[in-house]
Amino acid sequence: MARRAAAKPASDATDDVRTGHREPAFLSREARLAAGNALRDSVPRSSHAGWKRPAKARDPIELLRRSNRDRLPELVPIRYGRMLRSPFTFLRGSAGLMAHDLATTPTSGIRVQACGDCHLLNFGLFATPERNLVFDINDFDETLPAPFEWDVKRLAVSFVVAARDNGLSERQARASAIECVRAYRTRMLELSKMSPLEVWYDRLDIQAIIDMAPNARIRKIRQEIAGAAKERIGDQLYPKISGEVGGRRRLIDQPPVLFHVSAKDFDRRVRDALADYRESLPEERRVLFDRYRLEDVAIKAVGIGSVGTRCFVGLFFSAENHPLLLQFKEACPSVLEPYAGKSIYGNHGQRVVTGQRLMQSSSDIFLGWMRSRGGYSYYVRQLRDMKMSPPIEGATAEQSMLYAALCGQTLARSHARSGDAALISGYLGKTDNFDKAIGGFAVAYAEQNTRDHAALVAAVKSGKIKALIEEE
């Protein structure tokens, strides 16, 4: 059984109604650092190293099947096909499986608003409402209050798995995971010295990232990525997925990844859901939203972990035919819920939106939620608003280390917005003990991920599972 410890109650403590966590909110920074340090007695930092499968047998294929329970069955083979490509794509699509495993590992008891699916491709660039390009976490489907270690461990594992996919050595793979955690730990210490407002306003914009480049070659690469991100907007995408039909602009069916719904009352259900979404927006955003009319809507399979959930794209136009693409993503219960507790929100779209606003330095102006007449929860955001994750295929050891540092410090800031930076920093300390422990875990769990990927390959080969391999 994994060792666990709750944060020790303090004489001046408050209960966080949202997380159910009791923290020494108004103690001095020094007292909170000391409280974090004291947690090491019951959960040593070294206890996070290594990974052993629970004594009770766990079937990865069965756990994956359970995660398909609420998905559209006709899209599930696409999900499996995308997960088959490599151990890394398998990791991306198996957040529920890893959540099951993380729940068996030691935790300090310190909770934050967790991402829940924290891997290196869920970080990237996107546009702020002021049209600045920033680097941040950009996927929150699984967000929920949970132990901070779970995000750190999954992120570190993703660097090891990606490094292996890129043919880097085991030493280099481990080093990238350790660098990610080192950046998290050192940034958390810096954040613990800031005021709450300074933490809230903190952000990492593209110019700062370019200026941080260690040499001219890396600087040029970052400038090129920034330029490419600025071209990834709805205005550029909509001509590629739409066309003229009967004098109207319509989304073009590209089954099985983009297709229309033929249900007789679908249009009315969409209108009702949009009215519900509108109510979730602040009043000034409703004025903006009302300047667009819905022209067409279709199902669009996206990502890997999200494939099979009900995801729609809506094509809107202003009075002067300026396009707007909105994505409506089904929000299912977080994969963390069985282990971290149920969300306090009845609508999982609201859970996602609230978690995103808590963790991100800046969020989409159209971010909102709704519920369909069928009872499904959704959250809404713009599709492709300069959103882009840096390419990782073929990344060198140097690029992996630099990107690991960016992700680690970004995750620290995200956690500090909802959690206690001093308490976490007190637990992590100033040495590299925690970094090395998580590095050890990341390497060991990457092996588990490889075995699980092989199990999926075998299940497909034997006909136990059907997978659809898409053309590249």
Protein backbone atom coordinates (compact mmCIF):
# COMPACT_ATOMS: atom_id res chain seq x y z
CA MET A 1 0.00 0.00 0.00
CA ALA A 2 1.41 3.42 -0.92
CA ARG A 3 2.33 5.79 1.85
CA ARG A 4 0.23 8.92 2.04
CA ALA A 5 0.09 11.96 4.26
CA ALA A 6 -2.26 14.86 4.56
CA ALA A 7 -0.94 18.34 5.13
CA LYS A 8 -0.73 18.89 8.88
CA PRO A 9 -3.44 21.15 10.28
CA ALA A 10 -2.26 24.54 11.44
CA SER A 11 -3.69 26.69 14.17
CA ASP A 12 -4.60 29.34 11.62
CA ALA A 13 -5.95 27.28 8.71
CA THR A 14 -8.84 27.52 6.29
CA ASP A 15 -10.88 24.91 4.46
CA ASP A 16 -10.89 25.23 0.68
CA VAL A 17 -14.53 24.51 -0.20
CA ARG A 18 -13.62 23.69 -3.82
CA THR A 19 -10.82 21.22 -3.09
CA GLY A 20 -11.80 20.01 0.37
CA HIS A 21 -8.18 20.63 1.35
CA ARG A 22 -7.13 22.26 4.60
CA GLU A 23 -4.16 24.56 4.21
CA PRO A 24 -2.31 26.98 6.53
CA ALA A 25 -3.49 29.88 4.40
CA PHE A 26 -2.48 32.85 6.56
CA LEU A 27 0.64 31.55 8.24
CA SER A 28 3.91 33.24 7.30
CA ARG A 29 5.88 32.00 4.33
CA GLU A 30 8.51 30.60 6.69
CA ALA A 31 5.88 28.65 8.64
CA ARG A 32 4.41 27.21 5.44
CA LEU A 33 7.86 26.23 4.16
CA ALA A 34 8.43 24.47 7.47
CA ALA A 35 5.07 22.70 7.22
CA GLY A 36 6.01 21.43 3.77
CA ASN A 37 9.40 20.32 5.04
CA ALA A 38 7.74 18.39 7.87
CA LEU A 39 5.74 16.33 5.38
CA ARG A 40 8.98 14.66 4.31
CA ASP A 41 8.98 12.72 7.60
CA SER A 42 5.93 10.69 6.56
CA VAL A 43 6.45 10.78 2.78
CA PRO A 44 10.18 11.07 2.01
CA ARG A 45 11.00 12.55 -1.36
CA SER A 46 12.92 9.39 -2.21
CA SER A 47 9.66 7.40 -1.88
CA HIS A 48 8.56 8.81 -5.25
CA ALA A 49 11.32 6.94 -7.09
CA GLY A 50 10.67 3.74 -8.98
CA TRP A 51 7.47 2.07 -10.07
CA LYS A 52 6.03 -1.31 -9.21
CA ARG A 53 2.80 -2.65 -10.57
CA PRO A 54 0.19 -3.04 -7.84
CA ALA A 55 -0.03 -6.53 -6.35
CA LYS A 56 -3.58 -6.79 -7.68
CA ALA A 57 -3.42 -7.60 -11.38
CA ARG A 58 -4.40 -4.77 -13.73
CA ASP A 59 -5.42 -5.37 -17.31
CA PRO A 60 -4.52 -2.34 -19.48
CA ILE A 61 -6.87 -3.42 -22.26
CA GLU A 62 -9.81 -3.72 -19.88
CA LEU A 63 -9.06 -0.31 -18.38
CA LEU A 64 -8.94 1.19 -21.88
CA ARG A 65 -12.26 -0.43 -22.72
CA ARG A 66 -13.84 1.07 -19.60
CA SER A 67 -12.68 4.52 -20.72
CA ASN A 68 -14.72 4.02 -23.91
CA ARG A 69 -17.97 3.61 -22.02
CA ASP A 70 -19.34 7.05 -22.93
CA ARG A 71 -17.70 7.35 -26.36
CA LEU A 72 -19.31 7.06 -29.77
CA PRO A 73 -18.61 3.41 -30.67
CA GLU A 74 -18.04 4.15 -34.36
CA LEU A 75 -15.12 6.44 -33.46
CA VAL A 76 -13.39 4.18 -30.93
CA PRO A 77 -11.38 2.32 -33.64
CA ILE A 78 -9.88 5.69 -34.65
CA ARG A 79 -8.76 6.23 -31.07
CA TYR A 80 -7.07 2.83 -30.96
CA GLY A 81 -5.49 3.39 -34.36
CA ARG A 82 -3.91 6.65 -33.21
CA MET A 83 -2.71 5.06 -29.96
CA LEU A 84 -1.06 2.22 -31.88
CA ARG A 85 1.43 4.44 -33.68
CA SER A 86 4.04 4.51 -30.91
CA PRO A 87 4.48 4.25 -27.14
CA PHE A 88 4.19 8.05 -27.01
CA THR A 89 0.83 8.20 -28.80
CA PHE A 90 -0.29 5.39 -26.50
CA LEU A 91 0.68 7.49 -23.47
CA ARG A 92 -1.27 10.45 -24.86
CA GLY A 93 -4.42 8.35 -25.21
CA SER A 94 -4.22 6.52 -21.88
CA ALA A 95 -4.63 9.23 -19.25
CA GLY A 96 -7.21 7.10 -17.45
CA LEU A 97 -4.87 4.13 -17.27
CA MET A 98 -2.06 6.24 -15.82
CA ALA A 99 -4.45 7.93 -13.36
CA HIS A 100 -5.28 4.45 -12.07
CA ASP A 101 -1.57 3.79 -11.57
CA LEU A 102 -0.69 7.19 -10.10
CA ALA A 103 -3.33 6.67 -7.41
CA THR A 104 -1.20 3.82 -6.03
CA THR A 105 1.92 5.99 -5.65
CA PRO A 106 2.96 8.07 -2.60
CA THR A 107 1.66 11.64 -2.28
CA SER A 108 2.48 14.41 0.17
CA GLY A 109 -1.19 15.29 0.57
CA ILE A 110 -0.74 18.73 -1.01
CA ARG A 111 -3.50 19.34 -3.55
CA VAL A 112 -3.72 21.81 -6.40
CA GLN A 113 -5.95 22.32 -9.40
CA ALA A 114 -4.36 19.56 -11.48
CA CYS A 115 -4.32 19.32 -15.27
CA GLY A 116 -5.03 15.58 -15.08
CA ASP A 117 -3.52 14.86 -18.51
CA CYS A 118 -0.19 16.61 -18.10
CA HIS A 119 2.07 15.55 -20.96
CA LEU A 120 4.46 17.61 -23.03
CA LEU A 121 2.11 18.05 -26.02
CA ASN A 122 -0.56 19.56 -23.79
CA PHE A 123 1.70 22.59 -23.49
CA GLY A 124 2.14 25.08 -26.27
CA LEU A 125 1.53 28.49 -27.74
CA PHE A 126 -1.82 30.24 -28.10
CA ALA A 127 -3.20 33.76 -28.42
CA THR A 128 -4.34 35.82 -25.45
CA PRO A 129 -7.40 38.10 -25.77
CA GLU A 130 -4.89 40.91 -26.38
CA ARG A 131 -3.54 38.89 -29.36
CA ASN A 132 -0.20 38.23 -27.69
CA LEU A 133 1.36 34.80 -28.08
CA VAL A 134 2.01 32.98 -24.78
CA PHE A 135 3.25 29.56 -23.73
CA ASP A 136 1.07 27.65 -21.28
CA ILE A 137 -0.86 24.45 -20.63
CA ASN A 138 -3.58 24.19 -23.28
CA ASP A 139 -5.69 21.10 -22.51
CA PHE A 140 -7.90 20.72 -19.46
CA ASP A 141 -10.37 17.94 -20.24
CA GLU A 142 -9.29 16.02 -17.12
CA THR A 143 -8.68 18.94 -14.75
CA LEU A 144 -9.63 18.38 -11.09
CA PRO A 145 -8.23 19.21 -7.64
CA ALA A 146 -5.69 16.44 -6.96
CA PRO A 147 -2.17 15.80 -5.58
CA PHE A 148 0.39 18.02 -7.28
CA GLU A 149 2.73 15.05 -7.77
CA TRP A 150 0.39 13.39 -10.27
CA ASP A 151 0.86 16.15 -12.86
CA VAL A 152 4.62 16.29 -12.24
CA LYS A 153 5.00 12.53 -12.66
CA ARG A 154 2.95 12.29 -15.86
CA LEU A 155 4.82 15.22 -17.40
CA ALA A 156 8.20 13.70 -16.53
CA VAL A 157 7.17 10.33 -17.95
CA SER A 158 6.12 11.98 -21.22
CA PHE A 159 9.63 13.37 -21.68
CA VAL A 160 11.21 9.96 -21.21
CA VAL A 161 8.78 8.27 -23.61
CA ALA A 162 9.18 11.02 -26.24
CA ALA A 163 12.98 10.91 -25.93
CA ARG A 164 12.94 7.15 -26.54
CA ASP A 165 10.70 7.62 -29.59
CA ASN A 166 13.28 10.09 -30.90
CA GLY A 167 16.12 7.59 -30.49
CA LEU A 168 17.82 9.40 -27.60
CA SER A 169 19.81 7.41 -25.06
CA GLU A 170 18.42 6.30 -21.69
CA ARG A 171 20.74 8.78 -20.00
CA GLN A 172 19.41 11.62 -22.15
CA ALA A 173 15.80 10.55 -21.62
CA ARG A 174 16.24 10.48 -17.85
CA ALA A 175 18.07 13.82 -17.93
CA SER A 176 15.14 15.53 -19.68
CA ALA A 177 12.73 14.26 -17.02
CA ILE A 178 15.01 15.45 -14.23
CA GLU A 179 15.42 18.84 -15.93
CA CYS A 180 11.64 19.20 -16.12
CA VAL A 181 11.29 18.58 -12.38
CA ARG A 182 14.27 20.77 -11.53
CA ALA A 183 12.65 23.66 -13.39
CA TYR A 184 9.36 22.99 -11.57
CA ARG A 185 11.07 22.95 -8.17
CA THR A 186 13.21 26.07 -8.68
CA ARG A 187 10.34 28.04 -10.20
CA MET A 188 8.05 27.04 -7.33
CA LEU A 189 10.61 28.44 -4.88
CA GLU A 190 10.62 31.75 -6.80
CA LEU A 191 6.81 31.83 -6.88
CA SER A 192 6.66 31.24 -3.13
CA LYS A 193 8.34 34.64 -2.67
CA MET A 194 5.77 36.48 -4.80
CA SER A 195 2.48 38.04 -3.79
CA PRO A 196 -0.74 36.30 -4.90
CA LEU A 197 -1.29 39.02 -7.51
CA GLU A 198 2.24 38.66 -8.88
CA VAL A 199 1.67 34.91 -9.28
CA TRP A 200 -1.69 35.52 -10.95
CA TYR A 201 -0.26 38.00 -13.46
CA ASP A 202 2.82 35.91 -14.23
CA ARG A 203 3.01 34.61 -17.79
CA LEU A 204 5.57 33.42 -20.34
CA ASP A 205 5.18 35.20 -23.67
CA ILE A 206 6.83 34.27 -26.92
CA GLN A 207 9.31 37.15 -26.90
CA ALA A 208 10.59 36.08 -23.49
CA ILE A 209 11.01 32.53 -24.79
CA ILE A 210 12.92 33.79 -27.84
CA ASP A 211 15.13 35.97 -25.63
CA MET A 212 15.87 32.95 -23.41
CA ALA A 213 17.35 31.00 -26.33
CA PRO A 214 20.89 29.86 -25.48
CA ASN A 215 22.22 30.38 -29.01
CA ALA A 216 21.36 31.82 -32.43
CA ARG A 217 20.24 28.45 -33.83
CA ILE A 218 17.67 27.85 -31.07
CA ARG A 219 16.57 31.48 -31.32
CA LYS A 220 15.86 31.04 -35.04
CA ILE A 221 13.89 27.83 -34.42
CA ARG A 222 11.74 29.58 -31.82
CA GLN A 223 11.11 32.52 -34.13
CA GLU A 224 9.99 30.12 -36.88
CA ILE A 225 7.63 28.31 -34.48
CA ALA A 226 6.16 31.64 -33.39
CA GLY A 227 5.59 32.61 -37.01
CA ALA A 228 3.88 29.32 -37.76
CA ALA A 229 1.66 29.65 -34.69
CA LYS A 230 0.44 33.08 -35.80
CA GLU A 231 -0.84 31.52 -39.02
CA ARG A 232 -2.85 28.85 -37.19
CA ILE A 233 -6.12 30.77 -36.89
CA GLY A 234 -9.70 30.03 -37.82
CA ASP A 235 -9.50 32.34 -40.84
CA GLN A 236 -6.84 30.04 -42.31
CA LEU A 237 -8.55 26.77 -41.39
CA TYR A 238 -12.15 27.35 -42.40
CA PRO A 239 -11.55 27.42 -46.21
CA LYS A 240 -9.87 24.00 -45.89
CA ILE A 241 -12.81 22.33 -44.15
CA SER A 242 -15.69 24.17 -45.84
CA GLY A 243 -17.09 24.78 -49.29
CA GLU A 244 -20.01 26.31 -51.21
CA VAL A 245 -23.17 24.18 -51.20
CA GLY A 246 -26.33 25.69 -52.68
CA GLY A 247 -24.94 29.19 -52.29
CA ARG A 248 -24.09 28.66 -48.61
CA ARG A 249 -20.79 27.95 -46.91
CA ARG A 250 -20.91 24.45 -45.39
CA LEU A 251 -18.47 22.19 -43.61
CA ILE A 252 -17.26 19.43 -45.95
CA ASP A 253 -17.85 15.86 -44.81
CA GLN A 254 -14.60 13.92 -44.41
CA PRO A 255 -15.77 10.74 -42.71
CA PRO A 256 -14.90 9.33 -40.28
CA VAL A 257 -13.12 12.42 -38.88
CA LEU A 258 -15.60 15.14 -39.98
CA PHE A 259 -19.26 14.48 -40.71
CA HIS A 260 -22.74 15.88 -40.24
CA VAL A 261 -25.44 14.54 -37.92
CA SER A 262 -28.61 13.51 -39.74
CA ALA A 263 -31.01 13.38 -36.77
CA LYS A 264 -34.31 15.08 -37.59
CA ASP A 265 -34.39 17.46 -34.61
CA PHE A 266 -30.63 18.10 -34.53
CA ASP A 267 -30.84 21.76 -35.57
CA ARG A 268 -33.30 22.57 -32.79
CA ARG A 269 -31.12 20.78 -30.22
CA VAL A 270 -28.11 22.79 -31.38
CA ARG A 271 -30.02 26.08 -31.02
CA ASP A 272 -31.12 25.15 -27.50
CA ALA A 273 -27.55 24.23 -26.53
CA LEU A 274 -26.19 27.49 -27.95
CA ALA A 275 -28.67 29.45 -25.86
CA ASP A 276 -27.39 27.59 -22.79
CA TYR A 277 -23.79 28.30 -23.79
CA ARG A 278 -24.55 31.99 -24.23
CA GLU A 279 -25.73 32.19 -20.62
CA SER A 280 -22.35 30.90 -19.41
CA LEU A 281 -20.54 33.84 -21.01
CA PRO A 282 -19.95 37.16 -19.20
CA GLU A 283 -22.43 39.77 -20.38
CA GLU A 284 -19.90 41.69 -22.49
CA ARG A 285 -18.92 38.48 -24.32
CA ARG A 286 -22.58 37.79 -25.07
CA VAL A 287 -22.65 41.07 -27.01
CA LEU A 288 -19.71 39.83 -29.08
CA PHE A 289 -21.18 36.34 -29.55
CA ASP A 290 -24.49 37.82 -30.71
CA ARG A 291 -22.72 39.42 -33.66
CA TYR A 292 -22.22 35.99 -35.22
CA ARG A 293 -24.79 33.58 -36.66
CA LEU A 294 -24.45 29.83 -36.85
CA GLU A 295 -24.09 28.58 -40.42
CA ASP A 296 -23.20 24.92 -39.96
CA VAL A 297 -22.12 22.36 -37.37
CA ALA A 298 -20.56 18.88 -37.69
CA ILE A 299 -18.81 16.24 -35.61
CA LYS A 300 -15.01 16.50 -35.77
CA ALA A 301 -12.77 13.82 -34.23
CA VAL A 302 -9.78 15.49 -32.60
CA GLY A 303 -6.62 14.50 -30.76
CA ILE A 304 -6.09 11.02 -29.34
CA GLY A 305 -7.52 10.93 -25.84
CA SER A 306 -10.62 12.84 -26.97
CA VAL A 307 -11.46 10.61 -29.94
CA GLY A 308 -14.89 9.05 -29.50
CA THR A 309 -16.25 11.79 -27.28
CA ARG A 310 -18.86 14.07 -28.82
CA CYS A 311 -16.79 16.87 -30.33
CA PHE A 312 -18.36 19.33 -32.76
CA VAL A 313 -17.11 22.25 -34.79
CA GLY A 314 -19.44 25.17 -35.43
CA LEU A 315 -19.02 27.55 -38.37
CA PHE A 316 -20.30 31.07 -37.65
CA PHE A 317 -20.32 34.27 -39.69
CA SER A 318 -20.74 37.93 -38.85
CA ALA A 319 -23.09 40.21 -40.82
CA GLU A 320 -20.15 40.96 -43.16
CA ASN A 321 -19.27 37.23 -43.45
CA HIS A 322 -16.25 37.23 -41.20
CA PRO A 323 -15.80 33.58 -40.12
CA LEU A 324 -15.60 32.21 -36.58
CA LEU A 325 -14.91 28.56 -35.77
CA LEU A 326 -15.94 27.33 -32.33
CA GLN A 327 -15.20 23.90 -30.95
CA PHE A 328 -17.79 22.18 -28.74
CA LYS A 329 -16.09 19.37 -26.80
CA GLU A 330 -17.95 16.89 -24.68
CA ALA A 331 -16.77 17.09 -21.08
CA CYS A 332 -16.92 13.68 -19.41
CA PRO A 333 -16.04 13.00 -15.77
CA SER A 334 -12.33 13.53 -15.17
CA VAL A 335 -10.17 10.39 -15.21
CA LEU A 336 -8.98 11.53 -11.77
CA GLU A 337 -12.43 11.36 -10.17
CA PRO A 338 -12.30 7.72 -9.02
CA TYR A 339 -9.11 8.51 -7.09
CA ALA A 340 -9.27 12.23 -6.18
CA GLY A 341 -13.01 12.65 -5.57
CA LYS A 342 -15.94 13.89 -7.63
CA SER A 343 -16.11 17.38 -9.05
CA ILE A 344 -18.25 19.90 -7.19
CA TYR A 345 -19.71 20.97 -10.54
CA GLY A 346 -22.78 19.27 -11.94
CA ASN A 347 -21.76 20.26 -15.46
CA HIS A 348 -18.34 18.90 -16.42
CA GLY A 349 -18.02 21.68 -18.98
CA GLN A 350 -18.03 24.13 -16.08
CA ARG A 351 -15.43 21.94 -14.33
CA VAL A 352 -13.14 22.22 -17.36
CA VAL A 353 -13.66 25.97 -17.82
CA THR A 354 -13.12 26.75 -14.14
CA GLY A 355 -10.00 24.59 -14.02
CA GLN A 356 -8.65 26.22 -17.16
CA ARG A 357 -9.20 29.70 -15.83
CA LEU A 358 -7.47 28.73 -12.59
CA MET A 359 -4.43 27.22 -14.27
CA GLN A 360 -3.91 29.36 -17.38
CA SER A 361 -2.33 32.80 -17.35
CA SER A 362 -4.88 33.90 -19.97
CA SER A 363 -7.90 32.13 -21.46
CA ASP A 364 -9.98 32.22 -24.64
CA ILE A 365 -12.63 34.97 -24.72
CA PHE A 366 -15.24 32.46 -25.96
CA LEU A 367 -14.56 29.93 -23.21
CA GLY A 368 -17.88 28.70 -21.80
CA TRP A 369 -19.99 25.63 -21.17
CA MET A 370 -23.40 24.18 -21.92
CA ARG A 371 -25.55 21.08 -21.60
CA SER A 372 -27.30 19.36 -24.48
CA ARG A 373 -30.91 18.21 -24.40
CA GLY A 374 -29.52 14.69 -24.19
CA GLY A 375 -27.86 15.58 -20.89
CA TYR A 376 -24.27 15.73 -22.18
CA SER A 377 -21.90 18.38 -20.79
CA TYR A 378 -19.77 20.46 -23.16
CA TYR A 379 -17.22 23.22 -23.01
CA VAL A 380 -16.67 25.70 -25.83
CA ARG A 381 -13.61 27.49 -27.16
CA GLN A 382 -12.25 28.88 -30.41
CA LEU A 383 -10.77 26.35 -32.80
CA ARG A 384 -7.16 27.07 -33.71
CA ASP A 385 -6.63 30.49 -32.18
CA MET A 386 -2.87 30.44 -32.82
CA LYS A 387 -2.81 27.22 -30.80
CA MET A 388 0.30 25.18 -31.50
CA SER A 389 2.53 22.69 -29.69
CA PRO A 390 6.21 22.73 -30.70
CA PRO A 391 7.17 19.78 -32.91
CA ILE A 392 8.80 17.01 -30.88
CA GLU A 393 9.52 14.46 -33.60
CA GLY A 394 13.25 14.36 -34.15
CA ALA A 395 13.99 16.64 -31.19
CA THR A 396 17.63 16.57 -30.12
CA ALA A 397 18.76 16.06 -26.54
CA GLU A 398 19.44 19.80 -26.27
CA GLN A 399 15.95 20.71 -27.55
CA SER A 400 14.37 18.19 -25.22
CA MET A 401 16.15 19.66 -22.21
CA LEU A 402 15.19 23.23 -23.12
CA TYR A 403 11.56 22.29 -23.69
CA ALA A 404 11.49 20.31 -20.43
CA ALA A 405 12.55 23.42 -18.55
CA LEU A 406 9.81 25.51 -20.18
CA CYS A 407 7.13 22.95 -19.32
CA GLY A 408 8.38 22.45 -15.77
CA GLN A 409 8.37 26.12 -14.85
CA THR A 410 5.01 26.64 -16.56
CA LEU A 411 3.43 23.80 -14.57
CA ALA A 412 4.82 25.31 -11.36
CA ARG A 413 3.11 28.62 -12.08
CA SER A 414 -0.15 26.86 -12.94
CA HIS A 415 -0.08 24.93 -9.65
CA ALA A 416 0.87 28.02 -7.65
CA ARG A 417 -2.27 29.83 -8.80
CA SER A 418 -4.52 27.40 -6.91
CA GLY A 419 -2.11 25.77 -4.46
CA ASP A 420 0.29 26.95 -1.78
CA ALA A 421 3.66 27.57 -3.43
CA ALA A 422 5.46 27.85 -0.07
CA LEU A 423 4.00 24.56 1.20
CA ILE A 424 4.97 22.77 -2.02
CA SER A 425 8.40 24.40 -2.08
CA GLY A 426 9.00 23.43 1.53
CA TYR A 427 8.32 19.82 0.64
CA LEU A 428 10.47 19.89 -2.53
CA GLY A 429 13.44 21.62 -0.88
CA LYS A 430 16.49 23.21 -2.50
CA THR A 431 18.40 20.04 -3.37
CA ASP A 432 17.80 17.70 -6.31
CA ASN A 433 16.47 14.79 -4.21
CA PHE A 434 12.91 15.12 -5.54
CA ASP A 435 14.13 15.71 -9.11
CA LYS A 436 16.14 12.48 -9.15
CA ALA A 437 13.34 10.51 -7.51
CA ILE A 438 10.85 11.55 -10.19
CA GLY A 439 13.49 10.89 -12.85
CA GLY A 440 13.73 7.33 -11.56
CA PHE A 441 9.96 6.96 -11.56
CA ALA A 442 9.70 8.35 -15.10
CA VAL A 443 12.17 5.81 -16.49
CA ALA A 444 10.50 2.90 -14.67
CA TYR A 445 6.98 3.94 -15.71
CA ALA A 446 8.10 4.46 -19.32
CA GLU A 447 8.89 0.75 -19.31
CA GLN A 448 5.35 0.04 -18.07
CA ASN A 449 3.97 2.24 -20.84
CA THR A 450 5.97 0.26 -23.41
CA ARG A 451 4.50 -2.99 -22.08
CA ASP A 452 0.98 -1.55 -22.18
CA HIS A 453 1.47 -0.33 -25.74
CA ALA A 454 2.66 -3.81 -26.71
CA ALA A 455 -0.47 -5.25 -25.09
CA LEU A 456 -2.62 -3.01 -27.29
CA VAL A 457 -0.67 -4.02 -30.40
CA ALA A 458 -1.20 -7.68 -29.51
CA ALA A 459 -4.92 -7.15 -28.83
CA VAL A 460 -5.40 -5.55 -32.24
CA LYS A 461 -3.34 -8.22 -33.99
CA SER A 462 -5.40 -11.01 -32.39
CA GLY A 463 -8.69 -9.33 -33.31
CA LYS A 464 -9.59 -8.70 -29.68
CA ILE A 465 -9.77 -4.98 -30.47
CA LYS A 466 -10.60 -3.24 -33.74
CA ALA A 467 -8.42 -0.32 -34.79
CA LEU A 468 -8.67 2.00 -37.77
CA ILE A 469 -5.30 3.07 -39.17
CA GLU A 470 -5.67 6.44 -40.90
CA GLU A 471 -3.57 7.55 -43.83
CA GLU A 472 -0.73 9.85 -42.81
